[in-house]
Each structure stands twice: as structure tokens, then as C-alpha cells.
C-alpha atoms as a PDB file:
ATOM      1  CA  MET A   1     -94.351   3.373 -14.257  1.00  0.00           C
ATOM      2  CA  THR A   2     -92.039   2.251 -11.571  1.00  0.00           C
ATOM      3  CA  ALA A   3     -88.723   3.913 -12.030  1.00  0.00           C
ATOM      4  CA  MET A   4     -86.008   2.137 -12.815  1.00  0.00           C
ATOM      5  CA  LEU A   5     -83.423   0.952  -9.752  1.00  0.00           C
ATOM      6  CA  ASP A   6     -79.868   2.069 -10.103  1.00  0.00           C
ATOM      7  CA  SER A   7     -77.584   2.898  -7.110  1.00  0.00           C
ATOM      8  CA  LYS A   8     -78.409   6.807  -7.437  1.00  0.00           C
ATOM      9  CA  THR A   9     -82.349   5.965  -6.890  1.00  0.00           C
ATOM     10  CA  ILE A  10     -81.714   3.351  -4.348  1.00  0.00           C
ATOM     11  CA  ARG A  11     -79.316   6.078  -2.057  1.00  0.00           C
ATOM     12  CA  THR A  12     -81.657   8.197  -2.219  1.00  0.00           C
ATOM     13  CA  ARG A  13     -84.701   5.803  -1.508  1.00  0.00           C
ATOM     14  CA  VAL A  14     -82.899   4.247   1.445  1.00  0.00           C
ATOM     15  CA  ALA A  15     -81.891   7.965   2.559  1.00  0.00           C
ATOM     16  CA  GLU A  16     -85.711   9.267   2.776  1.00  0.00           C
ATOM     17  CA  GLU A  17     -87.124   5.981   4.159  1.00  0.00           C
ATOM     18  CA  LEU A  18     -84.747   6.367   6.911  1.00  0.00           C
ATOM     19  CA  HIS A  19     -85.800  10.282   7.407  1.00  0.00           C
ATOM     20  CA  ALA A  20     -89.347   8.794   7.447  1.00  0.00           C
ATOM     21  CA  CYS A  21     -89.066   5.985   9.595  1.00  0.00           C
ATOM     22  CA  VAL A  22     -86.381   7.092  12.679  1.00  0.00           C
ATOM     23  CA  GLY A  23     -85.598  10.495  11.291  1.00  0.00           C
ATOM     24  CA  GLN A  24     -86.198  11.984  15.009  1.00  0.00           C
ATOM     25  CA  LYS A  25     -84.174   9.433  16.699  1.00  0.00           C
ATOM     26  CA  TRP A  26     -81.203   9.609  14.517  1.00  0.00           C
ATOM     27  CA  PHE A  27     -80.607  12.306  11.972  1.00  0.00           C
ATOM     28  CA  LYS A  28     -80.003  15.786  11.652  1.00  0.00           C
ATOM     29  CA  PRO A  29     -83.195  17.569   9.979  1.00  0.00           C
ATOM     30  CA  GLY A  30     -83.381  19.035   6.903  1.00  0.00           C
ATOM     31  CA  SER A  31     -80.393  16.889   5.334  1.00  0.00           C
ATOM     32  CA  PRO A  32     -80.438  14.599   2.689  1.00  0.00           C
ATOM     33  CA  ARG A  33     -77.647  12.526   3.958  1.00  0.00           C
ATOM     34  CA  LEU A  34     -77.699  10.191   6.854  1.00  0.00           C
ATOM     35  CA  GLU A  35     -76.264  12.780   9.269  1.00  0.00           C
ATOM     36  CA  VAL A  36     -76.552  11.457  13.099  1.00  0.00           C
ATOM     37  CA  ALA A  37     -77.333  14.566  15.366  1.00  0.00           C
ATOM     38  CA  SER A  38     -78.418  13.246  18.861  1.00  0.00           C
ATOM     39  CA  ALA A  39     -78.862  15.353  22.386  1.00  0.00           C
ATOM     40  CA  ASP A  40     -76.892  12.390  24.018  1.00  0.00           C
ATOM     41  CA  ASN A  41     -74.332  12.387  21.843  1.00  0.00           C
ATOM     42  CA  LEU A  42     -71.561  13.564  24.552  1.00  0.00           C
ATOM     43  CA  THR A  43     -68.057  12.977  22.261  1.00  0.00           C
ATOM     44  CA  ASP A  44     -67.351  15.214  19.291  1.00  0.00           C
ATOM     45  CA  PHE A  45     -67.479  12.299  16.308  1.00  0.00           C
ATOM     46  CA  SER A  46     -69.311  12.936  13.483  1.00  0.00           C
ATOM     47  CA  ILE A  47     -71.231  10.000  12.688  1.00  0.00           C
ATOM     48  CA  GLU A  48     -72.585   9.504   9.094  1.00  0.00           C
ATOM     49  CA  PHE A  49     -74.399   6.287   7.339  1.00  0.00           C
ATOM     50  CA  ASP A  50     -73.225   5.518   3.554  1.00  0.00           C
ATOM     51  CA  CYS A  51     -75.412   3.785   1.342  1.00  0.00           C
ATOM     52  CA  TYR A  52     -73.645   1.226  -0.489  1.00  0.00           C
ATOM     53  CA  ALA A  53     -74.942   0.064  -3.844  1.00  0.00           C
ATOM     54  CA  GLU A  54     -73.172  -1.794  -6.212  1.00  0.00           C
ATOM     55  CA  ARG A  55     -74.544  -3.599  -9.215  1.00  0.00           C
ATOM     56  CA  ARG A  56     -73.219  -7.043  -9.967  1.00  0.00           C
ATOM     57  CA  TYR A  57     -74.612 -10.076 -11.269  1.00  0.00           C
ATOM     58  CA  GLY A  58     -77.535  -8.047 -12.578  1.00  0.00           C
ATOM     59  CA  GLU A  59     -78.865  -7.005  -9.142  1.00  0.00           C
ATOM     60  CA  TYR A  60     -77.884  -4.665  -6.376  1.00  0.00           C
ATOM     61  CA  ASP A  61     -75.219  -6.113  -3.367  1.00  0.00           C
ATOM     62  CA  CYS A  62     -76.624  -3.297  -0.719  1.00  0.00           C
ATOM     63  CA  SER A  63     -75.393  -2.114   2.710  1.00  0.00           C
ATOM     64  CA  LEU A  64     -75.329   0.454   5.389  1.00  0.00           C
ATOM     65  CA  VAL A  65     -72.399   1.710   6.592  1.00  0.00           C
ATOM     66  CA  ALA A  66     -71.817   3.617   9.672  1.00  0.00           C
ATOM     67  CA  VAL A  67     -68.866   6.238   8.944  1.00  0.00           C
ATOM     68  CA  PHE A  68     -67.175   7.847  12.096  1.00  0.00           C
ATOM     69  CA  LYS A  69     -64.801  11.473  11.641  1.00  0.00           C
ATOM     70  CA  TRP A  70     -63.341  13.018  14.415  1.00  0.00           C
ATOM     71  CA  LYS A  71     -61.379  16.403  13.992  1.00  0.00           C
ATOM     72  CA  LYS A  72     -58.641  15.217  16.769  1.00  0.00           C
ATOM     73  CA  PHE A  73     -57.821  11.945  14.949  1.00  0.00           C
ATOM     74  CA  ALA A  74     -57.571  12.957  11.490  1.00  0.00           C
ATOM     75  CA  ARG A  75     -55.173  16.109  12.623  1.00  0.00           C
ATOM     76  CA  LEU A  76     -52.973  13.384  14.247  1.00  0.00           C
ATOM     77  CA  PHE A  77     -52.876  11.153  11.135  1.00  0.00           C
ATOM     78  CA  GLY A  78     -52.542  14.017   9.357  1.00  0.00           C
ATOM     79  CA  GLU A  79     -49.073  14.920  11.076  1.00  0.00           C
ATOM     80  CA  LEU A  80     -48.103  11.239  10.943  1.00  0.00           C
ATOM     81  CA  ALA A  81     -48.593  10.806   6.902  1.00  0.00           C
ATOM     82  CA  ASN A  82     -46.476  14.100   6.600  1.00  0.00           C
ATOM     83  CA  TRP A  83     -43.836  12.455   8.547  1.00  0.00           C
ATOM     84  CA  TYR A  84     -44.122   9.216   6.836  1.00  0.00           C
ATOM     85  CA  ASN A  85     -44.183  10.385   2.964  1.00  0.00           C
ATOM     86  CA  VAL A  86     -40.700  12.194   3.916  1.00  0.00           C
ATOM     87  CA  LYS A  87     -38.971   9.557   5.708  1.00  0.00           C
ATOM     88  CA  PHE A  88     -40.077   6.857   3.776  1.00  0.00           C
ATOM     89  CA  GLU A  89     -41.062   7.946   0.440  1.00  0.00           C
ATOM     90  CA  GLY A  90     -44.284   7.013   1.004  1.00  0.00           C
ATOM     91  CA  ALA A  91     -47.596   8.309  -1.228  1.00  0.00           C
ATOM     92  CA  VAL A  92     -50.002   8.152   2.466  1.00  0.00           C
ATOM     93  CA  PRO A  93     -52.540  10.599   1.844  1.00  0.00           C
ATOM     94  CA  THR A  94     -52.828  13.495   4.611  1.00  0.00           C
ATOM     95  CA  LYS A  95     -55.855  15.116   4.225  1.00  0.00           C
ATOM     96  CA  SER A  96     -59.483  13.697   5.940  1.00  0.00           C
ATOM     97  CA  LYS A  97     -58.695  10.499   6.865  1.00  0.00           C
ATOM     98  CA  VAL A  98     -62.198   8.312   8.448  1.00  0.00           C
ATOM     99  CA  PHE A  99     -61.389   7.484  12.256  1.00  0.00           C
ATOM    100  CA  ALA A 100     -63.571   4.167  10.884  1.00  0.00           C
ATOM    101  CA  ARG A 101     -66.376   2.812   8.527  1.00  0.00           C
ATOM    102  CA  VAL A 102     -68.337  -0.055  10.303  1.00  0.00           C
ATOM    103  CA  ALA A 103     -70.847  -2.533   8.370  1.00  0.00           C
ATOM    104  CA  PHE A 104     -74.236  -2.887   9.792  1.00  0.00           C
ATOM    105  CA  GLU A 105     -73.495  -6.319   9.042  1.00  0.00           C
ATOM    106  CA  GLY A 106     -70.689  -6.554  10.757  1.00  0.00           C
ATOM    107  CA  ILE A 107     -71.896  -4.982  14.009  1.00  0.00           C
ATOM    108  CA  HIS A 108     -75.094  -7.501  13.658  1.00  0.00           C
ATOM    109  CA  GLY A 109     -72.735 -10.179  13.872  1.00  0.00           C
ATOM    110  CA  ASP A 110     -69.915  -9.354  16.312  1.00  0.00           C
ATOM    111  CA  PHE A 111     -67.849  -8.871  13.435  1.00  0.00           C
ATOM    112  CA  ARG A 112     -67.326 -12.851  13.273  1.00  0.00           C
ATOM    113  CA  PRO A 113     -67.237 -14.137   9.732  1.00  0.00           C
ATOM    114  CA  SER A 114     -70.191 -15.777  10.157  1.00  0.00           C
ATOM    115  CA  SER A 115     -72.170 -12.363   9.598  1.00  0.00           C
ATOM    116  CA  ARG A 116     -75.383 -12.158   7.466  1.00  0.00           C
ATOM    117  CA  GLY A 117     -74.808 -12.475   3.939  1.00  0.00           C
ATOM    118  CA  THR A 118     -75.221 -10.026   0.729  1.00  0.00           C
ATOM    119  CA  PHE A 119     -78.602  -8.173   0.562  1.00  0.00           C
ATOM    120  CA  TRP A 120     -79.150  -8.483  -3.141  1.00  0.00           C
ATOM    121  CA  VAL A 121     -81.804  -5.666  -4.461  1.00  0.00           C
ATOM    122  CA  ALA A 122     -83.039  -6.600  -7.693  1.00  0.00           C
ATOM    123  CA  ASN A 123     -86.866  -4.599  -6.965  1.00  0.00           C
ATOM    124  CA  GLU A 124     -88.885  -2.333  -5.279  1.00  0.00           C
ATOM    125  CA  GLN A 125     -89.977  -5.138  -3.240  1.00  0.00           C
ATOM    126  CA  ASP A 126     -86.349  -6.124  -2.162  1.00  0.00           C
ATOM    127  CA  LEU A 127     -85.516  -2.205  -1.632  1.00  0.00           C
ATOM    128  CA  ASP A 128     -88.611  -2.092   0.968  1.00  0.00           C
ATOM    129  CA  LYS A 129     -87.354  -5.406   2.885  1.00  0.00           C
ATOM    130  CA  PHE A 130     -83.633  -3.763   2.939  1.00  0.00           C
ATOM    131  CA  THR A 131     -84.987  -0.513   4.356  1.00  0.00           C
ATOM    132  CA  ALA A 132     -86.731  -2.489   6.519  1.00  0.00           C
ATOM    133  CA  ARG A 133     -84.333  -4.291   7.614  1.00  0.00           C
ATOM    134  CA  CYS A 134     -82.093  -1.023   8.471  1.00  0.00           C
ATOM    135  CA  VAL A 135     -85.063   0.275  10.435  1.00  0.00           C
ATOM    136  CA  ASP A 136     -84.823  -3.105  12.252  1.00  0.00           C
ATOM    137  CA  ASP A 137     -80.683  -2.649  12.752  1.00  0.00           C
ATOM    138  CA  LEU A 138     -80.923   1.067  14.230  1.00  0.00           C
ATOM    139  CA  GLU A 139     -84.076  -0.006  16.784  1.00  0.00           C
ATOM    140  CA  GLY A 140     -82.174  -2.616  18.063  1.00  0.00           C
ATOM    141  CA  LYS A 141     -78.593  -4.256  18.046  1.00  0.00           C
ATOM    142  CA  VAL A 142     -76.778  -2.232  15.594  1.00  0.00           C
ATOM    143  CA  GLY A 143     -78.215   0.830  17.169  1.00  0.00           C
ATOM    144  CA  ASN A 144     -77.353   0.174  20.388  1.00  0.00           C
ATOM    145  CA  TRP A 145     -73.594  -0.153  19.610  1.00  0.00           C
ATOM    146  CA  ILE A 146     -73.520   2.570  17.484  1.00  0.00           C
ATOM    147  CA  ARG A 147     -74.625   4.881  20.494  1.00  0.00           C
ATOM    148  CA  ARG A 148     -71.541   3.382  22.752  1.00  0.00           C
ATOM    149  CA  TRP A 149     -69.383   5.917  21.046  1.00  0.00           C
ATOM    150  CA  TYR A 150     -71.622   8.540  22.316  1.00  0.00           C
ATOM    151  CA  ASP A 151     -69.792   8.846  25.358  1.00  0.00           C
ATOM    152  CA  TRP A 152     -65.539   8.864  25.851  1.00  0.00           C
ATOM    153  CA  PRO A 153     -65.158   6.228  28.211  1.00  0.00           C
ATOM    154  CA  SER A 154     -67.681   3.347  26.721  1.00  0.00           C
ATOM    155  CA  ALA A 155     -66.019   4.706  23.225  1.00  0.00           C
ATOM    156  CA  LEU A 156     -63.094   3.039  24.593  1.00  0.00           C
ATOM    157  CA  GLU A 157     -64.500   0.023  25.902  1.00  0.00           C
ATOM    158  CA  THR A 158     -65.468  -0.958  22.788  1.00  0.00           C
ATOM    159  CA  MET A 159     -62.242  -0.191  20.692  1.00  0.00           C
ATOM    160  CA  ASP A 160     -60.794  -2.678  23.394  1.00  0.00           C
ATOM    161  CA  ALA A 161     -63.896  -5.386  22.681  1.00  0.00           C
ATOM    162  CA  TYR A 162     -63.120  -5.420  18.939  1.00  0.00           C
ATOM    163  CA  PRO A 163     -59.324  -5.268  18.351  1.00  0.00           C
ATOM    164  CA  ASN A 164     -59.880  -5.239  14.545  1.00  0.00           C
ATOM    165  CA  LEU A 165     -61.391  -1.733  14.711  1.00  0.00           C
ATOM    166  CA  CYS A 166     -59.929   1.129  12.546  1.00  0.00           C
ATOM    167  CA  GLY A 167     -57.671  -1.226  10.182  1.00  0.00           C
ATOM    168  CA  SER A 168     -53.886  -0.856   9.605  1.00  0.00           C
ATOM    169  CA  TRP A 169     -54.241   2.613  11.282  1.00  0.00           C
ATOM    170  CA  ARG A 170     -55.529   1.050  14.581  1.00  0.00           C
ATOM    171  CA  ASP A 171     -52.780   2.038  16.894  1.00  0.00           C
ATOM    172  CA  THR A 172     -52.597   5.530  16.070  1.00  0.00           C
ATOM    173  CA  ALA A 173     -56.587   5.512  16.491  1.00  0.00           C
ATOM    174  CA  TYR A 174     -56.293   3.529  19.504  1.00  0.00           C
ATOM    175  CA  TYR A 175     -53.678   6.034  21.112  1.00  0.00           C
ATOM    176  CA  CYS A 176     -55.803   9.281  20.440  1.00  0.00           C
ATOM    177  CA  LEU A 177     -58.642   7.745  21.981  1.00  0.00           C
ATOM    178  CA  MET A 178     -56.892   6.886  25.185  1.00  0.00           C
ATOM    179  CA  GLU A 179     -55.431  10.083  25.607  1.00  0.00           C
ATOM    180  CA  GLN A 180     -59.139  11.692  24.997  1.00  0.00           C
ATOM    181  CA  VAL A 181     -60.575   9.324  27.893  1.00  0.00           C
ATOM    182  CA  ARG A 182     -57.563   8.746  30.026  1.00  0.00           C
ATOM    183  CA  GLY A 183     -54.686  11.498  29.386  1.00  0.00           C
ATOM    184  CA  PRO A 184     -51.558  11.959  27.755  1.00  0.00           C
ATOM    185  CA  GLU A 185     -49.351   9.998  29.993  1.00  0.00           C
ATOM    186  CA  ALA A 186     -51.685   6.922  30.349  1.00  0.00           C
ATOM    187  CA  ALA A 187     -51.436   6.867  26.330  1.00  0.00           C
ATOM    188  CA  CYS A 188     -47.952   7.479  26.618  1.00  0.00           C
ATOM    189  CA  THR A 189     -47.536   4.478  28.591  1.00  0.00           C
ATOM    190  CA  TRP A 190     -49.496   2.733  26.408  1.00  0.00           C
ATOM    191  CA  VAL A 191     -47.572   2.853  23.300  1.00  0.00           C
ATOM    192  CA  ARG A 192     -44.291   2.707  25.058  1.00  0.00           C
ATOM    193  CA  GLY A 193     -44.848  -0.824  25.710  1.00  0.00           C
ATOM    194  CA  ILE A 194     -45.405  -1.743  22.466  1.00  0.00           C
ATOM    195  CA  ASP A 195     -42.682  -3.586  20.460  1.00  0.00           C
ATOM    196  CA  ALA A 196     -43.341  -3.282  16.754  1.00  0.00           C
ATOM    197  CA  ALA A 197     -40.094  -5.216  15.676  1.00  0.00           C
ATOM    198  CA  GLY A 198     -40.726  -7.236  12.962  1.00  0.00           C
ATOM    199  CA  TRP A 199     -43.877  -5.650  11.858  1.00  0.00           C
ATOM    200  CA  PRO A 200     -44.785  -4.591   8.484  1.00  0.00           C
ATOM    201  CA  GLN A 201     -43.410  -0.613   7.656  1.00  0.00           C
ATOM    202  CA  TRP A 202     -46.513   1.242   8.062  1.00  0.00           C
ATOM    203  CA  LEU A 203     -47.584  -0.413  10.918  1.00  0.00           C
ATOM    204  CA  ALA A 204     -44.014   0.229  12.662  1.00  0.00           C
ATOM    205  CA  ALA A 205     -43.528   3.114  11.504  1.00  0.00           C
ATOM    206  CA  GLN A 206     -46.866   4.395  13.317  1.00  0.00           C
ATOM    207  CA  VAL A 207     -45.896   2.966  16.266  1.00  0.00           C
ATOM    208  CA  GLU A 208     -42.118   4.426  15.629  1.00  0.00           C
ATOM    209  CA  TYR A 209     -44.129   8.010  15.370  1.00  0.00           C
ATOM    210  CA  LEU A 210     -46.371   8.034  18.206  1.00  0.00           C
ATOM    211  CA  GLN A 211     -43.507   7.065  20.273  1.00  0.00           C
ATOM    212  CA  SER A 212     -40.213   9.561  19.197  1.00  0.00           C
ATOM    213  CA  ARG A 213     -42.278  12.363  18.416  1.00  0.00           C
ATOM    214  CA  VAL A 214     -46.070  12.577  19.859  1.00  0.00           C
ATOM    215  CA  CYS A 215     -44.661  10.771  23.129  1.00  0.00           C
ATOM    216  CA  ARG A 216     -41.225  12.024  23.558  1.00  0.00           C
ATOM    217  CA  GLY A 217     -40.535  13.855  26.803  1.00  0.00           C
ATOM    218  CA  ALA A 218     -43.859  13.218  27.853  1.00  0.00           C
ATOM    219  CA  PRO A 219     -43.976  11.658  31.551  1.00  0.00           C
ATOM    220  CA  THR A 220     -44.974   7.837  32.059  1.00  0.00           C
ATOM    221  CA  GLN A 221     -47.970   6.575  34.071  1.00  0.00           C
ATOM    222  CA  PRO A 222     -46.668   4.874  36.862  1.00  0.00           C
END
């Protein structure tokens, strides 16, 4: 008898099938999660794939998301959030901030609105088709894009090419990556050139923190 599909079953099946199909190329062996492990990765980004499966309208809306975590960025963001919460009486979480969450659909469509539509899973056949598409993605355009984060200069080039990456914390993430690639002088020169007058409070506060706290007294690149 075929098991009833639910969110947990879908996520488990997708992980199992991807491990079986492309595990040697992509994933940490022995882990039930989709943790990317590659000798070609020269950064300390931690990359994991999260399978989203939410029941809507009697079927499951399914997608795969690449989650980028970076300890250096998480530390900087935690310090920023602590400062912001004190100065502005905010409630920004201070721990374990994710650098970026990027859906396969967005990567496949170059982050344009005309990207692929929702993949609906109602039965075993749909689930097989969804998993097959995920494998194709990793063997093609999506996989190539994710591998661009395997070295620092290419990661910065990718940030430059996609200005919407990282959402409302982009300036902090970009500063952190630029400092990694080009050094603190170049990163501070970049952030000092930002005029955040008139920006929403949270966005402007990030620039203020970088300019007045992180880059205070730092030399400027000519």
C-alpha cells in the first residue's frame, strides 16, 4: 500500500532520492539532511538544501531552497542587532542569522518574476517528477550557480550581479563579503560612499553601524 503523502514524507523522500541520485557529487555522506560537501569549496560558507512542502488547496506546494550560512557574517550581524536593539529599542534576533536563502526557482529564472510557477505535488507520480526536476537543476543551471559560491571572488561577483540577494540585510552581508575578498580598507571605502538619508530606519541603521562603528578609524582606500 502506498503511504499517505504529508510534508514530512515529502521532505524525507526528496532527501533520500537526491542522496541516491547525486549524493556523491553534492552531499555530506551519512547525513539525512542535504548538507553540501565538496572538496572544491574553498570558502567557509555552510550550504544546505531545505525542502519546502506546504499543503494548500488539497495539494502540496513544493520547492527546494539553498540556505547559505556563514559564521563571520552571523557574528557581525549579531553585533549589529545588539547595537540596533539598544539604540532603537528594537527586537531584531541576534543569533544564527542566515546569510541568504535562495529558491531553486529564483536561480533558474535569474530572479525575474517570470520564473517557474509553483510545483504542485498530489501523488507519488508528482513527487517523482519533482525530485527528477531537482536532480536536473543540480546537474544544470542551478548547480552551476551554487558552485559560484565555492570561492570568494566568484561569490562577490555573484552578489554584484544579483542586487536583491540577502534581502533587507544586504548591505551588512555585502560589506562582510567585500572585506573577505578585498580587505577592510576597500570595504570601508565602499560603505562610506553610501548616503542612507531618507532610508527606512533598519536599512539606514545598518549603514550607520558600519560607518560609525565598524569602519571608525579604519583607513580609506584611495
